[in-house]
PDB file of N, CA and C in Angstrom:
ATOM      1  N   MET A   1     107.578  94.176 101.820  1.00  0.00           N
ATOM      2  CA  MET A   1     109.069  94.579 101.785  1.00  0.00           C
ATOM      3  C   MET A   1     109.237  96.225 101.192  1.00  0.00           C
ATOM      4  N   ALA A   2     110.094  96.480 101.447  1.00  0.00           N
ATOM      5  CA  ALA A   2     110.435  98.189 100.919  1.00  0.00           C
ATOM      6  C   ALA A   2     111.038  98.297  99.396  1.00  0.00           C
ATOM      7  N   ILE A   3     111.294  97.085  99.022  1.00  0.00           N
ATOM      8  CA  ILE A   3     112.192  97.009  97.958  1.00  0.00           C
ATOM      9  C   ILE A   3     111.063  96.599  96.832  1.00  0.00           C
ATOM     10  N   VAL A   4     110.676  97.054  95.791  1.00  0.00           N
ATOM     11  CA  VAL A   4     110.039  96.410  94.877  1.00  0.00           C
ATOM     12  C   VAL A   4     110.917  96.103  93.791  1.00  0.00           C
ATOM     13  N   VAL A   5     110.761  94.810  93.192  1.00  0.00           N
ATOM     14  CA  VAL A   5     111.471  94.674  91.773  1.00  0.00           C
ATOM     15  C   VAL A   5     110.597  95.027  90.605  1.00  0.00           C
ATOM     16  N   ASN A   6     110.736  95.391  89.716  1.00  0.00           N
ATOM     17  CA  ASN A   6     110.101  96.043  88.362  1.00  0.00           C
ATOM     18  C   ASN A   6     110.904  95.176  87.258  1.00  0.00           C
ATOM     19  N   LEU A   7     111.308  94.175  87.427  1.00  0.00           N
ATOM     20  CA  LEU A   7     112.004  93.623  86.467  1.00  0.00           C
ATOM     21  C   LEU A   7     111.093  92.964  85.303  1.00  0.00           C
ATOM     22  N   ASP A   8     109.761  92.558  85.776  1.00  0.00           N
ATOM     23  CA  ASP A   8     108.684  92.204  84.730  1.00  0.00           C
ATOM     24  C   ASP A   8     108.503  93.525  83.704  1.00  0.00           C
ATOM     25  N   VAL A   9     108.298  94.482  84.325  1.00  0.00           N
ATOM     26  CA  VAL A   9     107.926  95.841  83.652  1.00  0.00           C
ATOM     27  C   VAL A   9     108.811  96.165  82.733  1.00  0.00           C
ATOM     28  N   MET A  10     110.279  95.775  82.708  1.00  0.00           N
ATOM     29  CA  MET A  10     111.098  96.370  82.127  1.00  0.00           C
ATOM     30  C   MET A  10     111.429  95.311  81.042  1.00  0.00           C
ATOM     31  N   LEU A  11     110.999  94.161  81.042  1.00  0.00           N
ATOM     32  CA  LEU A  11     110.638  92.860  80.586  1.00  0.00           C
ATOM     33  C   LEU A  11     110.139  93.272  79.330  1.00  0.00           C
ATOM     34  N   ALA A  12     108.920  93.528  79.852  1.00  0.00           N
ATOM     35  CA  ALA A  12     107.514  93.831  79.282  1.00  0.00           C
ATOM     36  C   ALA A  12     108.100  95.335  78.173  1.00  0.00           C
ATOM     37  N   LYS A  13     108.464  96.118  78.389  1.00  0.00           N
ATOM     38  CA  LYS A  13     108.980  97.480  77.925  1.00  0.00           C
ATOM     39  C   LYS A  13     109.776  97.300  76.690  1.00  0.00           C
ATOM     40  N   ARG A  14     110.671  96.338  76.806  1.00  0.00           N
ATOM     41  CA  ARG A  14     111.753  95.949  76.080  1.00  0.00           C
ATOM     42  C   ARG A  14     111.223  94.556  74.813  1.00  0.00           C
ATOM     43  N   LYS A  15     110.001  94.067  75.167  1.00  0.00           N
ATOM     44  CA  LYS A  15     109.732  93.046  74.670  1.00  0.00           C
ATOM     45  C   LYS A  15     110.599  91.912  74.521  1.00  0.00           C
ATOM     46  N   MET A  16     110.716  91.552  75.950  1.00  0.00           N
ATOM     47  CA  MET A  16     112.044  90.517  76.087  1.00  0.00           C
ATOM     48  C   MET A  16     111.379  89.389  77.077  1.00  0.00           C
ATOM     49  N   ARG A  17     111.534  88.018  76.747  1.00  0.00           N
ATOM     50  CA  ARG A  17     110.877  86.996  77.415  1.00  0.00           C
ATOM     51  C   ARG A  17     112.049  86.860  78.604  1.00  0.00           C
ATOM     52  N   SER A  18     111.584  85.848  79.774  1.00  0.00           N
ATOM     53  CA  SER A  18     112.628  85.689  80.705  1.00  0.00           C
ATOM     54  C   SER A  18     113.445  84.851  80.161  1.00  0.00           C
ATOM     55  N   LYS A  19     113.274  84.027  79.463  1.00  0.00           N
ATOM     56  CA  LYS A  19     114.218  83.302  78.845  1.00  0.00           C
ATOM     57  C   LYS A  19     114.854  83.682  78.236  1.00  0.00           C
ATOM     58  N   GLU A  20     114.947  84.481  77.162  1.00  0.00           N
ATOM     59  CA  GLU A  20     115.940  85.136  76.650  1.00  0.00           C
ATOM     60  C   GLU A  20     116.841  85.867  77.353  1.00  0.00           C
ATOM     61  N   LEU A  21     116.198  86.871  78.662  1.00  0.00           N
ATOM     62  CA  LEU A  21     117.191  87.457  79.335  1.00  0.00           C
ATOM     63  C   LEU A  21     118.103  86.428  80.330  1.00  0.00           C
ATOM     64  N   ALA A  22     117.607  85.260  80.700  1.00  0.00           N
ATOM     65  CA  ALA A  22     118.427  84.545  81.226  1.00  0.00           C
ATOM     66  C   ALA A  22     119.715  83.832  80.334  1.00  0.00           C
ATOM     67  N   GLU A  23     119.418  83.539  79.050  1.00  0.00           N
ATOM     68  CA  GLU A  23     120.237  83.069  78.136  1.00  0.00           C
ATOM     69  C   GLU A  23     121.357  84.446  77.884  1.00  0.00           C
ATOM     70  N   ARG A  24     120.980  85.758  77.873  1.00  0.00           N
ATOM     71  CA  ARG A  24     121.944  86.756  77.665  1.00  0.00           C
ATOM     72  C   ARG A  24     122.613  87.070  78.789  1.00  0.00           C
ATOM     73  N   ILE A  25     122.213  86.556  80.078  1.00  0.00           N
ATOM     74  CA  ILE A  25     123.042  87.138  81.235  1.00  0.00           C
ATOM     75  C   ILE A  25     123.777  86.145  82.028  1.00  0.00           C
ATOM     76  N   GLY A  26     123.216  84.797  81.541  1.00  0.00           N
ATOM     77  CA  GLY A  26     124.010  83.749  82.172  1.00  0.00           C
ATOM     78  C   GLY A  26     123.443  83.209  83.204  1.00  0.00           C
ATOM     79  N   ILE A  27     122.242  83.027  83.766  1.00  0.00           N
ATOM     80  CA  ILE A  27     121.628  82.967  84.861  1.00  0.00           C
ATOM     81  C   ILE A  27     120.496  81.814  84.447  1.00  0.00           C
ATOM     82  N   THR A  28     119.960  81.006  85.683  1.00  0.00           N
ATOM     83  CA  THR A  28     118.767  80.314  84.924  1.00  0.00           C
ATOM     84  C   THR A  28     117.576  80.850  84.817  1.00  0.00           C
ATOM     85  N   GLU A  29     116.505  80.394  84.152  1.00  0.00           N
ATOM     86  CA  GLU A  29     115.332  81.098  84.013  1.00  0.00           C
ATOM     87  C   GLU A  29     114.600  81.013  85.306  1.00  0.00           C
ATOM     88  N   GLN A  30     114.683  79.922  85.949  1.00  0.00           N
ATOM     89  CA  GLN A  30     113.930  80.087  87.470  1.00  0.00           C
ATOM     90  C   GLN A  30     114.589  81.282  88.382  1.00  0.00           C
ATOM     91  N   ASN A  31     116.000  81.426  88.264  1.00  0.00           N
ATOM     92  CA  ASN A  31     116.472  82.585  89.044  1.00  0.00           C
ATOM     93  C   ASN A  31     115.908  83.958  88.815  1.00  0.00           C
ATOM     94  N   VAL A  32     115.604  84.104  87.171  1.00  0.00           N
ATOM     95  CA  VAL A  32     115.044  85.284  86.599  1.00  0.00           C
ATOM     96  C   VAL A  32     113.455  85.346  87.336  1.00  0.00           C
ATOM     97  N   SER A  33     112.838  84.181  87.366  1.00  0.00           N
ATOM     98  CA  SER A  33     111.393  84.285  87.843  1.00  0.00           C
ATOM     99  C   SER A  33     111.331  84.724  89.294  1.00  0.00           C
ATOM    100  N   LEU A  34     112.558  84.002  90.061  1.00  0.00           N
ATOM    101  CA  LEU A  34     112.139  84.487  91.711  1.00  0.00           C
ATOM    102  C   LEU A  34     112.722  85.946  91.669  1.00  0.00           C
ATOM    103  N   LEU A  35     113.525  86.341  90.792  1.00  0.00           N
ATOM    104  CA  LEU A  35     114.013  88.042  90.830  1.00  0.00           C
ATOM    105  C   LEU A  35     112.617  88.911  90.213  1.00  0.00           C
ATOM    106  N   LYS A  36     111.736  88.229  89.283  1.00  0.00           N
ATOM    107  CA  LYS A  36     110.809  88.714  89.208  1.00  0.00           C
ATOM    108  C   LYS A  36     109.851  89.131  89.958  1.00  0.00           C
ATOM    109  N   SER A  37     109.649  87.963  90.784  1.00  0.00           N
ATOM    110  CA  SER A  37     108.511  88.019  91.744  1.00  0.00           C
ATOM    111  C   SER A  37     108.984  88.414  93.198  1.00  0.00           C
ATOM    112  N   GLY A  38     110.235  88.931  93.246  1.00  0.00           N
ATOM    113  CA  GLY A  38     110.544  89.450  94.681  1.00  0.00           C
ATOM    114  C   GLY A  38     110.836  88.657  95.834  1.00  0.00           C
ATOM    115  N   LYS A  39     111.344  87.554  95.412  1.00  0.00           N
ATOM    116  CA  LYS A  39     111.306  86.164  96.160  1.00  0.00           C
ATOM    117  C   LYS A  39     112.837  86.189  96.752  1.00  0.00           C
ATOM    118  N   VAL A  40     113.718  87.080  96.255  1.00  0.00           N
ATOM    119  CA  VAL A  40     115.214  86.881  96.619  1.00  0.00           C
ATOM    120  C   VAL A  40     115.657  88.154  97.585  1.00  0.00           C
ATOM    121  N   LYS A  41     116.661  87.931  98.460  1.00  0.00           N
ATOM    122  CA  LYS A  41     116.801  88.725  99.594  1.00  0.00           C
ATOM    123  C   LYS A  41     118.016  89.802  99.140  1.00  0.00           C
ATOM    124  N   GLY A  42     118.815  89.282  97.909  1.00  0.00           N
ATOM    125  CA  GLY A  42     119.331  90.015  97.526  1.00  0.00           C
ATOM    126  C   GLY A  42     120.084  89.819  95.944  1.00  0.00           C
ATOM    127  N   ILE A  43     120.835  90.504  95.191  1.00  0.00           N
ATOM    128  CA  ILE A  43     121.124  90.467  94.285  1.00  0.00           C
ATOM    129  C   ILE A  43     122.396  90.908  94.026  1.00  0.00           C
ATOM    130  N   ARG A  44     123.493  90.455  93.262  1.00  0.00           N
ATOM    131  CA  ARG A  44     124.773  90.602  93.139  1.00  0.00           C
ATOM    132  C   ARG A  44     124.970  91.652  92.254  1.00  0.00           C
ATOM    133  N   PHE A  45     125.851  92.666  92.370  1.00  0.00           N
ATOM    134  CA  PHE A  45     125.801  93.598  91.640  1.00  0.00           C
ATOM    135  C   PHE A  45     126.439  93.244  90.221  1.00  0.00           C
ATOM    136  N   ASP A  46     127.190  92.151  89.907  1.00  0.00           N
ATOM    137  CA  ASP A  46     127.229  92.067  88.460  1.00  0.00           C
ATOM    138  C   ASP A  46     126.570  91.353  87.817  1.00  0.00           C
ATOM    139  N   THR A  47     125.399  90.766  88.464  1.00  0.00           N
ATOM    140  CA  THR A  47     124.183  90.337  87.729  1.00  0.00           C
ATOM    141  C   THR A  47     123.185  91.237  87.747  1.00  0.00           C
ATOM    142  N   LEU A  48     123.053  92.363  88.547  1.00  0.00           N
ATOM    143  CA  LEU A  48     122.175  93.440  88.217  1.00  0.00           C
ATOM    144  C   LEU A  48     123.052  94.382  86.962  1.00  0.00           C
ATOM    145  N   GLU A  49     124.230  94.549  86.806  1.00  0.00           N
ATOM    146  CA  GLU A  49     125.059  95.112  85.935  1.00  0.00           C
ATOM    147  C   GLU A  49     124.809  94.484  84.254  1.00  0.00           C
ATOM    148  N   ARG A  50     124.757  92.944  84.527  1.00  0.00           N
ATOM    149  CA  ARG A  50     124.422  92.164  83.244  1.00  0.00           C
ATOM    150  C   ARG A  50     122.868  92.501  82.855  1.00  0.00           C
ATOM    151  N   ILE A  51     121.949  92.485  83.557  1.00  0.00           N
ATOM    152  CA  ILE A  51     120.337  92.594  83.662  1.00  0.00           C
ATOM    153  C   ILE A  51     120.490  94.151  82.862  1.00  0.00           C
ATOM    154  N   CYS A  52     120.867  95.099  83.599  1.00  0.00           N
ATOM    155  CA  CYS A  52     121.126  96.752  82.737  1.00  0.00           C
ATOM    156  C   CYS A  52     121.388  96.583  81.413  1.00  0.00           C
ATOM    157  N   ALA A  53     122.339  96.041  81.228  1.00  0.00           N
ATOM    158  CA  ALA A  53     123.036  96.133  79.897  1.00  0.00           C
ATOM    159  C   ALA A  53     122.292  95.271  78.921  1.00  0.00           C
ATOM    160  N   ALA A  54     121.987  94.350  79.435  1.00  0.00           N
ATOM    161  CA  ALA A  54     120.752  93.399  78.238  1.00  0.00           C
ATOM    162  C   ALA A  54     119.376  94.251  77.973  1.00  0.00           C
ATOM    163  N   LEU A  55     118.985  94.852  79.084  1.00  0.00           N
ATOM    164  CA  LEU A  55     117.885  95.584  79.020  1.00  0.00           C
ATOM    165  C   LEU A  55     117.872  97.410  78.641  1.00  0.00           C
ATOM    166  N   ASP A  56     119.209  97.475  78.628  1.00  0.00           N
ATOM    167  CA  ASP A  56     119.732  99.001  78.318  1.00  0.00           C
ATOM    168  C   ASP A  56     118.825  99.794  79.240  1.00  0.00           C
ATOM    169  N   CYS A  57     119.036  99.938  80.571  1.00  0.00           N
ATOM    170  CA  CYS A  57     118.427 100.067  81.414  1.00  0.00           C
ATOM    171  C   CYS A  57     119.389 100.721  82.580  1.00  0.00           C
ATOM    172  N   GLN A  58     118.643 101.488  83.742  1.00  0.00           N
ATOM    173  CA  GLN A  58     119.289 101.769  84.850  1.00  0.00           C
ATOM    174  C   GLN A  58     118.916 100.943  86.147  1.00  0.00           C
ATOM    175  N   PRO A  59     119.549 100.390  87.235  1.00  0.00           N
ATOM    176  CA  PRO A  59     119.263  99.724  88.467  1.00  0.00           C
ATOM    177  C   PRO A  59     117.891 100.602  89.010  1.00  0.00           C
ATOM    178  N   GLY A  60     117.775 101.788  88.841  1.00  0.00           N
ATOM    179  CA  GLY A  60     116.601 102.288  89.177  1.00  0.00           C
ATOM    180  C   GLY A  60     115.346 102.343  88.594  1.00  0.00           C
ATOM    181  N   ASP A  61     115.683 101.451  87.092  1.00  0.00           N
ATOM    182  CA  ASP A  61     114.127 101.014  86.381  1.00  0.00           C
ATOM    183  C   ASP A  61     113.765  99.971  87.174  1.00  0.00           C
ATOM    184  N   ILE A  62     114.761  99.143  87.456  1.00  0.00           N
ATOM    185  CA  ILE A  62     114.476  97.724  88.093  1.00  0.00           C
ATOM    186  C   ILE A  62     114.326  97.525  89.638  1.00  0.00           C
ATOM    187  N   LEU A  63     114.958  98.385  90.344  1.00  0.00           N
ATOM    188  CA  LEU A  63     114.654  98.205  91.813  1.00  0.00           C
ATOM    189  C   LEU A  63     114.159  99.518  92.113  1.00  0.00           C
ATOM    190  N   GLU A  64     112.909  99.551  93.224  1.00  0.00           N
ATOM    191  CA  GLU A  64     112.218 100.910  93.259  1.00  0.00           C
ATOM    192  C   GLU A  64     112.057 100.876  95.126  1.00  0.00           C
ATOM    193  N   PHE A  65     112.498 101.731  95.862  1.00  0.00           N
ATOM    194  CA  PHE A  65     112.310 101.749  97.056  1.00  0.00           C
ATOM    195  C   PHE A  65     110.772 102.359  97.592  1.00  0.00           C
ATOM    196  N   ALA A  66     110.042 101.633  97.994  1.00  0.00           N
ATOM    197  CA  ALA A  66     108.667 101.829  98.412  1.00  0.00           C
ATOM    198  C   ALA A  66     108.343 101.448  99.881  1.00  0.00           C
ATOM    199  N   PRO A  67     108.393 102.750 100.840  1.00  0.00           N
ATOM    200  CA  PRO A  67     108.307 102.135 102.310  1.00  0.00           C
ATOM    201  C   PRO A  67     107.189 101.731 102.676  1.00  0.00           C
ATOM    202  N   ASP A  68     107.278 100.614 103.761  1.00  0.00           N
ATOM    203  CA  ASP A  68     105.756 100.133 104.027  1.00  0.00           C
ATOM    204  C   ASP A  68     105.079 101.167 104.765  1.00  0.00           C
ATOM    205  N   ARG A  69     103.808 101.384 105.014  1.00  0.00           N
ATOM    206  CA  ARG A  69     102.840 102.281 105.441  1.00  0.00           C
ATOM    207  C   ARG A  69     102.048 101.898 106.622  1.00  0.00           C
ATOM    208  N   THR A  70     102.707 100.477 107.024  1.00  0.00           N
ATOM    209  CA  THR A  70     102.105  99.813 108.138  1.00  0.00           C
ATOM    210  C   THR A  70     102.446 100.384 109.398  1.00  0.00           C
ATOM    211  N   GLU A  71     103.425 101.334 109.643  1.00  0.00           N
ATOM    212  CA  GLU A  71     104.203 101.746 110.980  1.00  0.00           C
ATOM    213  C   GLU A  71     103.193 102.665 111.327  1.00  0.00           C
TER     214      GLU A  71
END
């Protein structure tokens, strides 16, 4: 996939656990885990906004475009 989710990196930089982030932004810990693994097909902007506020970061710190080199 061309979009890489770096949520685990930001959590580590902020020394925050997935459980704490889930509680702060109002989603389940399982959904945070799915986001971290990149197994989701999309994310609502309001969820992304809450993640960025909780982690004091920009959307680009969490999401990265990395084009597939298989073509």
